[in-house]
């Protein structure tokens, strides 16, 4: 019992000491604000206070921009420019057919970019490799070459594919 009582008293004494230090620090801050020290120090304090507020708001806006950027980066990761380590031609063809049938522009854009980057990865001159691969793909997916009389839906598919191919080429060349 005696040990519990002493522990309780010690805890209470520490709490009182902590509160006393807090009150003392608070009184000193108030004196500083009121100009209890030299008046020149008061103006310095005001300047520091303004700078602190300004710094906090700048830091907050910087953090928000960083957060927004990371959110947009995470959204774009699903359609990143880097292809998988092994480029699988058959898998690419089947994925492209599915995207073509559903007229899924973002998916086609991603597939074309992965194809162009895979070709660029194999060559030392990346720009010329991208242009060469683009030319080969553009002949395969050009709407005029695929048009069949009486089938407008087929032509529309290839128009979307060609737009995605052009966008992918521009994206790849911009990133070089």
N, C-alpha and C. Protein backbone atom coordinates (compact mmCIF):
# COMPACT_ATOMS: atom_id res chain seq x y z
N UNK A 1 0.82 -1.20 0.00
CA UNK A 1 0.00 0.00 0.00
C UNK A 1 0.86 1.26 0.00
N UNK A 2 1.89 1.19 0.82
CA UNK A 2 2.78 2.34 0.94
C UNK A 2 3.45 2.65 -0.42
N UNK A 3 3.85 1.61 -1.14
CA UNK A 3 4.51 1.79 -2.44
C UNK A 3 3.55 2.40 -3.46
N UNK A 4 2.29 1.96 -3.43
CA UNK A 4 1.30 2.52 -4.36
C UNK A 4 1.08 3.99 -4.08
N UNK A 5 0.98 4.33 -2.78
CA UNK A 5 0.74 5.72 -2.40
C UNK A 5 1.92 6.60 -2.83
N UNK A 6 3.14 6.10 -2.62
CA UNK A 6 4.33 6.87 -3.00
C UNK A 6 4.40 7.04 -4.53
N UNK A 7 4.07 5.99 -5.26
CA UNK A 7 4.07 6.07 -6.72
C UNK A 7 3.04 7.09 -7.20
N UNK A 8 1.88 7.08 -6.54
CA UNK A 8 0.82 8.02 -6.90
C UNK A 8 1.26 9.46 -6.61
N UNK A 9 1.89 9.67 -5.45
CA UNK A 9 2.37 11.01 -5.10
C UNK A 9 3.45 11.47 -6.07
N UNK A 10 4.35 10.56 -6.44
CA UNK A 10 5.41 10.90 -7.39
C UNK A 10 4.83 11.27 -8.76
N UNK A 11 3.83 10.53 -9.18
CA UNK A 11 3.17 10.81 -10.45
C UNK A 11 2.51 12.19 -10.41
N UNK A 12 1.84 12.48 -9.31
CA UNK A 12 1.17 13.78 -9.15
C UNK A 12 2.20 14.91 -9.12
N UNK A 13 3.34 14.70 -8.44
CA UNK A 13 4.38 15.72 -8.38
C UNK A 13 4.95 15.99 -9.78
N UNK A 14 5.17 14.92 -10.57
CA UNK A 14 5.68 15.09 -11.94
C UNK A 14 4.68 15.85 -12.81
N UNK A 15 3.40 15.54 -12.63
CA UNK A 15 2.36 16.23 -13.39
C UNK A 15 2.33 17.71 -13.04
N UNK A 16 2.43 18.03 -11.75
CA UNK A 16 2.43 19.42 -11.32
C UNK A 16 3.65 20.17 -11.86
N UNK A 17 4.81 19.50 -11.83
CA UNK A 17 6.04 20.12 -12.34
C UNK A 17 5.92 20.40 -13.85
N UNK A 18 5.36 19.45 -14.55
CA UNK A 18 5.16 19.62 -16.00
C UNK A 18 4.23 20.80 -16.27
N UNK A 19 3.12 20.88 -15.54
CA UNK A 19 2.18 21.99 -15.71
C UNK A 19 2.83 23.32 -15.35
N UNK A 20 3.67 23.33 -14.29
CA UNK A 20 4.36 24.55 -13.89
C UNK A 20 5.27 25.04 -15.01
N UNK A 21 6.01 24.11 -15.65
CA UNK A 21 6.89 24.49 -16.76
C UNK A 21 6.08 25.03 -17.94
N UNK A 22 4.94 24.41 -18.22
CA UNK A 22 4.08 24.88 -19.31
C UNK A 22 3.58 26.29 -19.03
N UNK A 23 3.12 26.53 -17.78
CA UNK A 23 2.61 27.87 -17.43
C UNK A 23 3.71 28.91 -17.54
N UNK A 24 4.90 28.56 -17.09
CA UNK A 24 6.03 29.49 -17.15
C UNK A 24 6.36 29.83 -18.61
N UNK A 25 6.41 28.82 -19.47
CA UNK A 25 6.69 29.06 -20.89
C UNK A 25 5.61 29.92 -21.51
N UNK A 26 4.35 29.67 -21.14
CA UNK A 26 3.24 30.45 -21.67
C UNK A 26 3.37 31.91 -21.24
N UNK A 27 3.67 32.15 -19.95
CA UNK A 27 3.82 33.53 -19.47
C UNK A 27 4.96 34.23 -20.19
N UNK A 28 6.06 33.53 -20.43
CA UNK A 28 7.18 34.14 -21.15
C UNK A 28 6.79 34.51 -22.58
N UNK A 29 6.05 33.64 -23.24
CA UNK A 29 5.59 33.96 -24.60
C UNK A 29 4.68 35.18 -24.60
N UNK A 30 3.80 35.25 -23.61
CA UNK A 30 2.88 36.39 -23.53
C UNK A 30 3.65 37.68 -23.26
N UNK A 31 4.65 37.64 -22.38
CA UNK A 31 5.46 38.83 -22.12
C UNK A 31 6.17 39.26 -23.40
N UNK A 32 6.68 38.28 -24.12
CA UNK A 32 7.39 38.57 -25.37
C UNK A 32 6.45 39.24 -26.37
N UNK A 33 5.24 38.72 -26.47
CA UNK A 33 4.26 39.29 -27.40
C UNK A 33 3.85 40.69 -26.99
N UNK A 34 3.71 40.92 -25.70
CA UNK A 34 3.26 42.22 -25.21
C UNK A 34 4.37 43.25 -25.24
N UNK A 35 5.57 42.84 -25.52
CA UNK A 35 6.67 43.80 -25.57
C UNK A 35 7.27 44.03 -24.21
N UNK A 36 7.19 43.07 -23.35
CA UNK A 36 7.79 43.17 -22.04
C UNK A 36 9.30 43.31 -22.14
N UNK A 37 9.86 42.85 -23.23
CA UNK A 37 11.28 43.03 -23.46
C UNK A 37 11.44 44.32 -24.26
N UNK A 38 12.54 44.50 -24.90
CA UNK A 38 12.76 45.72 -25.69
C UNK A 38 11.78 45.76 -26.86
N UNK A 39 11.37 46.97 -27.24
CA UNK A 39 10.37 47.11 -28.30
C UNK A 39 10.90 46.62 -29.65
N UNK A 40 12.21 46.70 -29.85
CA UNK A 40 12.80 46.18 -31.09
C UNK A 40 12.61 44.69 -31.20
N UNK A 41 12.65 44.01 -30.08
CA UNK A 41 12.45 42.57 -30.08
C UNK A 41 11.01 42.23 -30.44
N UNK A 42 10.08 43.11 -30.06
CA UNK A 42 8.68 42.87 -30.36
C UNK A 42 8.45 42.85 -31.87
N UNK A 43 9.01 43.83 -32.57
CA UNK A 43 8.83 43.86 -34.02
C UNK A 43 9.50 42.65 -34.66
N UNK A 44 10.63 42.22 -34.11
CA UNK A 44 11.30 41.02 -34.61
C UNK A 44 10.40 39.81 -34.44
N UNK A 45 9.74 39.74 -33.30
CA UNK A 45 8.84 38.63 -33.02
C UNK A 45 7.70 38.61 -34.03
N UNK A 46 7.14 39.80 -34.34
CA UNK A 46 6.04 39.86 -35.31
C UNK A 46 6.50 39.39 -36.68
N UNK A 47 7.70 39.82 -37.07
CA UNK A 47 8.22 39.39 -38.36
C UNK A 47 8.39 37.88 -38.40
N UNK A 48 8.94 37.33 -37.32
CA UNK A 48 9.13 35.89 -37.25
C UNK A 48 7.79 35.16 -37.32
N UNK A 49 6.80 35.72 -36.63
CA UNK A 49 5.47 35.10 -36.63
C UNK A 49 4.89 35.08 -38.04
N UNK A 50 5.03 36.19 -38.78
CA UNK A 50 4.54 36.25 -40.16
C UNK A 50 5.28 35.26 -41.05
N UNK A 51 6.60 35.19 -40.88
CA UNK A 51 7.39 34.26 -41.69
C UNK A 51 6.99 32.82 -41.41
N UNK A 52 6.73 32.52 -40.13
CA UNK A 52 6.31 31.16 -39.78
C UNK A 52 4.99 30.81 -40.45
N UNK A 53 4.04 31.76 -40.41
CA UNK A 53 2.74 31.52 -41.05
C UNK A 53 2.91 31.33 -42.55
N UNK A 54 3.74 32.18 -43.14
CA UNK A 54 3.98 32.10 -44.58
C UNK A 54 4.64 30.77 -44.94
N UNK A 55 5.62 30.37 -44.16
CA UNK A 55 6.32 29.11 -44.40
C UNK A 55 5.39 27.92 -44.27
N UNK A 56 4.50 27.97 -43.28
CA UNK A 56 3.56 26.87 -43.09
C UNK A 56 2.61 26.76 -44.27
N UNK A 57 2.11 27.92 -44.75
CA UNK A 57 1.17 27.87 -45.88
C UNK A 57 1.87 27.39 -47.15
N UNK A 58 3.13 27.83 -47.35
CA UNK A 58 3.88 27.36 -48.51
C UNK A 58 4.13 25.86 -48.43
N UNK A 59 4.48 25.38 -47.23
CA UNK A 59 4.73 23.95 -47.05
C UNK A 59 3.46 23.15 -47.31
N UNK A 60 2.33 23.69 -46.83
CA UNK A 60 1.06 23.01 -47.03
C UNK A 60 0.73 22.92 -48.52
N UNK A 61 0.90 24.03 -49.25
CA UNK A 61 0.60 24.01 -50.69
C UNK A 61 1.57 23.08 -51.43
N UNK A 62 2.84 23.06 -51.01
CA UNK A 62 3.81 22.16 -51.62
C UNK A 62 3.42 20.70 -51.40
N UNK A 63 3.01 20.40 -50.16
CA UNK A 63 2.57 19.04 -49.84
C UNK A 63 1.35 18.65 -50.67
N UNK A 64 0.41 19.59 -50.85
CA UNK A 64 -0.78 19.30 -51.66
C UNK A 64 -0.40 19.02 -53.10
N UNK A 65 0.52 19.83 -53.65
CA UNK A 65 0.96 19.61 -55.03
C UNK A 65 1.63 18.25 -55.16
N UNK A 66 2.46 17.90 -54.17
CA UNK A 66 3.15 16.62 -54.20
C UNK A 66 2.15 15.48 -54.12
N UNK A 67 1.12 15.65 -53.27
CA UNK A 67 0.10 14.62 -53.12
C UNK A 67 -0.69 14.46 -54.42
N UNK A 68 -1.07 15.59 -55.05
CA UNK A 68 -1.80 15.53 -56.31
C UNK A 68 -0.95 14.88 -57.40
N UNK A 69 0.34 15.20 -57.41
CA UNK A 69 1.22 14.61 -58.41
C UNK A 69 1.33 13.10 -58.21
N UNK A 70 1.46 12.68 -56.95
CA UNK A 70 1.57 11.24 -56.70
C UNK A 70 0.27 10.53 -57.06
N UNK A 71 -0.88 11.20 -56.84
CA UNK A 71 -2.16 10.61 -57.23
C UNK A 71 -2.24 10.45 -58.74
N UNK A 72 -1.83 11.49 -59.48
CA UNK A 72 -1.89 11.39 -60.94
C UNK A 72 -0.89 10.36 -61.44
N UNK A 73 0.28 10.26 -60.77
CA UNK A 73 1.26 9.25 -61.16
C UNK A 73 0.72 7.85 -60.95
N UNK A 74 0.02 7.65 -59.82
CA UNK A 74 -0.51 6.32 -59.56
C UNK A 74 -1.61 5.96 -60.55
N UNK A 75 -2.38 6.98 -61.00
CA UNK A 75 -3.41 6.71 -62.00
C UNK A 75 -2.78 6.34 -63.33
N UNK A 76 -1.64 6.96 -63.65
CA UNK A 76 -0.99 6.69 -64.93
C UNK A 76 -0.18 5.41 -64.92
N UNK A 77 0.10 4.85 -63.73
CA UNK A 77 0.90 3.64 -63.67
C UNK A 77 0.23 2.48 -64.40
N UNK A 78 -1.10 2.48 -64.42
CA UNK A 78 -1.79 1.39 -65.08
C UNK A 78 -1.52 1.41 -66.59
N UNK A 79 -1.20 2.58 -67.12
CA UNK A 79 -0.86 2.69 -68.53
C UNK A 79 0.55 3.28 -68.66
N UNK A 80 1.51 2.67 -68.00
CA UNK A 80 2.86 3.21 -68.02
C UNK A 80 3.51 2.98 -69.38
N UNK A 81 4.54 3.74 -69.65
CA UNK A 81 5.19 3.67 -70.96
C UNK A 81 6.13 2.49 -71.08
N UNK A 82 6.58 1.97 -69.98
CA UNK A 82 7.56 0.89 -70.06
C UNK A 82 6.87 -0.44 -70.31
N UNK A 83 7.33 -1.17 -71.29
CA UNK A 83 6.73 -2.47 -71.57
C UNK A 83 7.20 -3.51 -70.57
N UNK A 84 6.57 -4.65 -70.60
CA UNK A 84 7.01 -5.73 -69.73
C UNK A 84 8.39 -6.18 -70.19
N UNK A 85 9.09 -6.90 -69.32
CA UNK A 85 10.46 -7.28 -69.62
C UNK A 85 10.54 -8.16 -70.87
N UNK A 86 9.61 -9.05 -71.01
CA UNK A 86 9.58 -9.89 -72.21
C UNK A 86 8.39 -9.48 -73.05
N UNK A 87 8.66 -9.09 -74.29
CA UNK A 87 7.59 -8.68 -75.18
C UNK A 87 7.05 -9.92 -75.87
N UNK A 88 5.79 -10.21 -75.64
CA UNK A 88 5.17 -11.41 -76.18
C UNK A 88 4.27 -10.99 -77.35
N UNK A 89 4.70 -11.34 -78.54
CA UNK A 89 3.98 -10.94 -79.76
C UNK A 89 2.55 -11.47 -79.80
N UNK A 90 2.37 -12.74 -79.49
CA UNK A 90 1.04 -13.36 -79.55
C UNK A 90 0.10 -12.73 -78.52
N UNK A 91 0.63 -12.52 -77.33
CA UNK A 91 -0.19 -11.91 -76.27
C UNK A 91 -0.58 -10.49 -76.66
N UNK A 92 0.36 -9.76 -77.28
CA UNK A 92 0.08 -8.40 -77.71
C UNK A 92 -1.02 -8.40 -78.77
N UNK A 93 -0.94 -9.32 -79.72
CA UNK A 93 -1.94 -9.40 -80.79
C UNK A 93 -3.33 -9.68 -80.23
N UNK A 94 -3.44 -10.63 -79.30
CA UNK A 94 -4.76 -10.94 -78.73
C UNK A 94 -5.30 -9.77 -77.92
N UNK A 95 -4.43 -9.11 -77.16
CA UNK A 95 -4.86 -7.94 -76.38
C UNK A 95 -5.31 -6.82 -77.31
N UNK A 96 -4.58 -6.67 -78.41
CA UNK A 96 -4.92 -5.61 -79.37
C UNK A 96 -6.27 -5.91 -80.03
N UNK A 97 -6.51 -7.16 -80.37
CA UNK A 97 -7.80 -7.53 -80.97
C UNK A 97 -8.96 -7.23 -80.03
N UNK A 98 -8.78 -7.56 -78.74
CA UNK A 98 -9.84 -7.27 -77.76
C UNK A 98 -10.08 -5.77 -77.64
N UNK A 99 -9.00 -5.00 -77.58
CA UNK A 99 -9.13 -3.55 -77.46
C UNK A 99 -9.75 -2.96 -78.73
N UNK A 100 -9.40 -3.54 -79.87
CA UNK A 100 -9.93 -3.07 -81.15
C UNK A 100 -11.42 -3.33 -81.24
N UNK A 101 -11.85 -4.51 -80.82
CA UNK A 101 -13.28 -4.85 -80.87
C UNK A 101 -14.10 -3.95 -79.95
N UNK A 102 -13.53 -3.60 -78.79
CA UNK A 102 -14.28 -2.77 -77.84
C UNK A 102 -14.04 -1.28 -78.04
N UNK A 103 -13.19 -0.92 -79.01
CA UNK A 103 -12.83 0.47 -79.30
C UNK A 103 -12.32 1.18 -78.03
N UNK A 104 -11.49 0.48 -77.28
CA UNK A 104 -10.95 0.99 -76.02
C UNK A 104 -9.69 1.79 -76.31
N UNK A 105 -9.85 3.12 -76.44
CA UNK A 105 -8.73 3.99 -76.81
C UNK A 105 -7.57 3.93 -75.81
N UNK A 106 -7.83 4.06 -74.49
CA UNK A 106 -6.69 4.03 -73.55
C UNK A 106 -5.91 2.72 -73.60
N UNK A 107 -6.62 1.64 -73.75
CA UNK A 107 -5.95 0.34 -73.80
C UNK A 107 -5.11 0.21 -75.08
N UNK A 108 -5.68 0.65 -76.22
CA UNK A 108 -4.92 0.60 -77.48
C UNK A 108 -3.69 1.50 -77.39
N UNK A 109 -3.88 2.68 -76.79
CA UNK A 109 -2.76 3.61 -76.62
C UNK A 109 -1.65 2.94 -75.82
N UNK A 110 -2.02 2.29 -74.74
CA UNK A 110 -1.04 1.59 -73.90
C UNK A 110 -0.35 0.46 -74.68
N UNK A 111 -1.12 -0.29 -75.42
CA UNK A 111 -0.54 -1.40 -76.19
C UNK A 111 0.41 -0.90 -77.28
N UNK A 112 0.00 0.16 -77.98
CA UNK A 112 0.88 0.72 -79.01
C UNK A 112 2.17 1.27 -78.38
N UNK A 113 2.03 1.93 -77.23
CA UNK A 113 3.23 2.45 -76.56
C UNK A 113 4.16 1.32 -76.14
N UNK A 114 3.59 0.25 -75.62
CA UNK A 114 4.44 -0.87 -75.20
C UNK A 114 5.15 -1.48 -76.40
N UNK A 115 4.46 -1.54 -77.52
CA UNK A 115 5.06 -2.10 -78.74
C UNK A 115 6.19 -1.19 -79.24
N UNK A 116 5.93 0.13 -79.26
CA UNK A 116 6.94 1.07 -79.73
C UNK A 116 8.16 1.07 -78.81
N UNK A 117 7.93 1.04 -77.50
CA UNK A 117 9.05 1.02 -76.56
C UNK A 117 9.83 -0.29 -76.64
N UNK A 118 9.14 -1.38 -76.90
CA UNK A 118 9.84 -2.66 -77.04
C UNK A 118 10.77 -2.61 -78.24
N UNK A 119 10.30 -2.01 -79.33
CA UNK A 119 11.15 -1.88 -80.53
C UNK A 119 12.32 -0.93 -80.24
N UNK A 120 12.05 0.15 -79.52
CA UNK A 120 13.10 1.13 -79.23
C UNK A 120 14.16 0.53 -78.31
N UNK A 121 13.74 -0.36 -77.43
CA UNK A 121 14.66 -0.98 -76.48
C UNK A 121 15.69 -1.84 -77.20
N UNK A 122 15.31 -2.39 -78.33
CA UNK A 122 16.21 -3.27 -79.08
C UNK A 122 17.24 -2.50 -79.90
N UNK A 123 17.01 -1.22 -80.12
CA UNK A 123 17.87 -0.44 -80.99
C UNK A 123 18.68 0.59 -80.19
N UNK A 124 19.82 0.99 -80.75
CA UNK A 124 20.62 2.02 -80.08
C UNK A 124 20.05 3.41 -80.37
N UNK A 125 19.49 3.59 -81.56
CA UNK A 125 18.85 4.86 -81.90
C UNK A 125 17.35 4.73 -81.64
N UNK A 126 16.94 5.15 -80.47
CA UNK A 126 15.56 4.92 -80.04
C UNK A 126 14.54 5.67 -80.91
N UNK A 127 14.87 6.91 -81.27
CA UNK A 127 13.92 7.70 -82.05
C UNK A 127 13.64 7.06 -83.41
N UNK A 128 14.69 6.66 -84.10
CA UNK A 128 14.49 6.05 -85.42
C UNK A 128 13.78 4.70 -85.30
N UNK A 129 14.05 3.97 -84.22
CA UNK A 129 13.37 2.69 -84.01
C UNK A 129 11.88 2.90 -83.77
N UNK A 130 11.55 3.95 -83.01
CA UNK A 130 10.13 4.25 -82.75
C UNK A 130 9.43 4.64 -84.04
N UNK A 131 10.08 5.49 -84.85
CA UNK A 131 9.48 5.92 -86.12
C UNK A 131 9.31 4.73 -87.06
N UNK A 132 10.30 3.86 -87.10
CA UNK A 132 10.22 2.68 -87.97
C UNK A 132 9.09 1.75 -87.53
N UNK A 133 8.99 1.51 -86.24
CA UNK A 133 7.91 0.66 -85.73
C UNK A 133 6.55 1.32 -85.96
N UNK A 134 6.50 2.64 -85.82
CA UNK A 134 5.25 3.37 -86.06
C UNK A 134 4.81 3.19 -87.52
N UNK A 135 5.74 3.31 -88.44
CA UNK A 135 5.39 3.15 -89.86
C UNK A 135 4.84 1.75 -90.14
N UNK A 136 5.47 0.75 -89.55
CA UNK A 136 5.00 -0.63 -89.76
C UNK A 136 3.59 -0.81 -89.19
N UNK A 137 3.36 -0.26 -87.99
CA UNK A 137 2.04 -0.39 -87.37
C UNK A 137 0.99 0.45 -88.10
N UNK A 138 1.41 1.61 -88.61
CA UNK A 138 0.43 2.47 -89.28
C UNK A 138 -0.09 1.84 -90.56
N UNK A 139 0.75 1.07 -91.25
CA UNK A 139 0.24 0.38 -92.44
C UNK A 139 -0.72 -0.73 -92.05
N UNK A 140 -0.48 -1.34 -90.89
CA UNK A 140 -1.37 -2.42 -90.44
C UNK A 140 -2.70 -1.91 -89.94
N UNK A 141 -2.70 -0.74 -89.32
CA UNK A 141 -3.91 -0.26 -88.66
C UNK A 141 -4.49 1.01 -89.31
N UNK A 142 -4.08 1.33 -90.52
CA UNK A 142 -4.63 2.53 -91.18
C UNK A 142 -6.05 2.26 -91.63
N UNK A 143 -6.98 3.19 -91.36
CA UNK A 143 -8.39 2.95 -91.69
C UNK A 143 -8.66 2.80 -93.19
N UNK A 144 -7.90 3.49 -94.03
CA UNK A 144 -8.14 3.41 -95.47
C UNK A 144 -7.77 2.03 -96.02
N UNK A 145 -6.77 1.41 -95.46
CA UNK A 145 -6.34 0.09 -95.94
C UNK A 145 -7.26 -1.00 -95.45
N UNK A 146 -7.97 -0.74 -94.35
CA UNK A 146 -8.84 -1.76 -93.76
C UNK A 146 -10.30 -1.58 -94.14
N UNK A 147 -10.60 -0.51 -94.85
CA UNK A 147 -12.01 -0.24 -95.14
C UNK A 147 -12.58 -1.27 -96.10
N UNK A 148 -13.75 -1.73 -95.74
CA UNK A 148 -14.50 -2.67 -96.56
C UNK A 148 -15.81 -1.97 -96.91
N UNK A 149 -16.21 -2.07 -98.16
CA UNK A 149 -17.42 -1.39 -98.60
C UNK A 149 -18.61 -1.91 -97.81
N UNK A 150 -19.35 -0.99 -97.21
CA UNK A 150 -20.56 -1.36 -96.48
C UNK A 150 -20.34 -1.63 -95.00
N UNK A 151 -19.10 -1.62 -94.52
CA UNK A 151 -18.85 -1.87 -93.10
C UNK A 151 -18.25 -0.64 -92.45
N UNK A 152 -19.13 0.25 -91.96
CA UNK A 152 -18.67 1.47 -91.30
C UNK A 152 -18.12 1.19 -89.91
N UNK A 153 -18.67 0.18 -89.22
CA UNK A 153 -18.20 -0.10 -87.86
C UNK A 153 -16.74 -0.58 -87.88
N UNK A 154 -16.40 -1.37 -88.90
CA UNK A 154 -15.02 -1.84 -89.04
C UNK A 154 -14.08 -0.66 -89.27
N UNK A 155 -14.51 0.27 -90.10
CA UNK A 155 -13.72 1.46 -90.39
C UNK A 155 -13.56 2.32 -89.13
N UNK A 156 -14.63 2.43 -88.34
CA UNK A 156 -14.57 3.22 -87.10
C UNK A 156 -13.56 2.62 -86.12
N UNK A 157 -13.53 1.29 -86.05
CA UNK A 157 -12.56 0.63 -85.16
C UNK A 157 -11.15 1.03 -85.52
N UNK A 158 -10.85 1.00 -86.81
CA UNK A 158 -9.49 1.31 -87.23
C UNK A 158 -9.17 2.80 -87.14
N UNK A 159 -10.19 3.64 -87.23
CA UNK A 159 -9.96 5.08 -87.01
C UNK A 159 -9.52 5.32 -85.57
N UNK A 160 -10.21 4.68 -84.63
CA UNK A 160 -9.84 4.82 -83.21
C UNK A 160 -8.45 4.25 -82.98
N UNK A 161 -8.16 3.11 -83.59
CA UNK A 161 -6.84 2.48 -83.44
C UNK A 161 -5.74 3.38 -84.00
N UNK A 162 -6.01 4.00 -85.14
CA UNK A 162 -5.01 4.87 -85.75
C UNK A 162 -4.78 6.11 -84.90
N UNK A 163 -5.85 6.65 -84.32
CA UNK A 163 -5.70 7.79 -83.40
C UNK A 163 -4.85 7.40 -82.19
N UNK A 164 -5.11 6.21 -81.65
CA UNK A 164 -4.34 5.73 -80.50
C UNK A 164 -2.87 5.54 -80.88
N UNK A 165 -2.64 5.04 -82.09
CA UNK A 165 -1.27 4.84 -82.56
C UNK A 165 -0.54 6.17 -82.69
N UNK A 166 -1.20 7.16 -83.27
CA UNK A 166 -0.58 8.49 -83.40
C UNK A 166 -0.29 9.10 -82.03
N UNK A 167 -1.24 8.96 -81.11
CA UNK A 167 -1.03 9.49 -79.76
C UNK A 167 0.12 8.77 -79.06
N UNK A 168 0.22 7.47 -79.27
CA UNK A 168 1.31 6.69 -78.65
C UNK A 168 2.66 7.12 -79.21
N UNK A 169 2.71 7.35 -80.52
CA UNK A 169 3.97 7.79 -81.13
C UNK A 169 4.39 9.13 -80.56
N UNK A 170 3.44 10.06 -80.47
CA UNK A 170 3.75 11.38 -79.92
C UNK A 170 4.23 11.28 -78.47
N UNK A 171 3.55 10.45 -77.69
CA UNK A 171 3.94 10.27 -76.28
C UNK A 171 5.34 9.71 -76.17
N UNK A 172 5.64 8.71 -76.99
CA UNK A 172 6.96 8.09 -76.93
C UNK A 172 8.06 9.07 -77.34
N UNK A 173 7.80 9.82 -78.39
CA UNK A 173 8.82 10.77 -78.85
C UNK A 173 9.00 11.92 -77.87
N UNK A 174 7.94 12.32 -77.19
CA UNK A 174 8.06 13.38 -76.18
C UNK A 174 8.90 12.93 -75.00
N UNK A 175 8.80 11.65 -74.66
CA UNK A 175 9.50 11.14 -73.49
C UNK A 175 10.97 10.87 -73.75
N UNK A 176 11.40 10.92 -75.00
CA UNK A 176 12.82 10.68 -75.29
C UNK A 176 13.67 11.84 -74.86
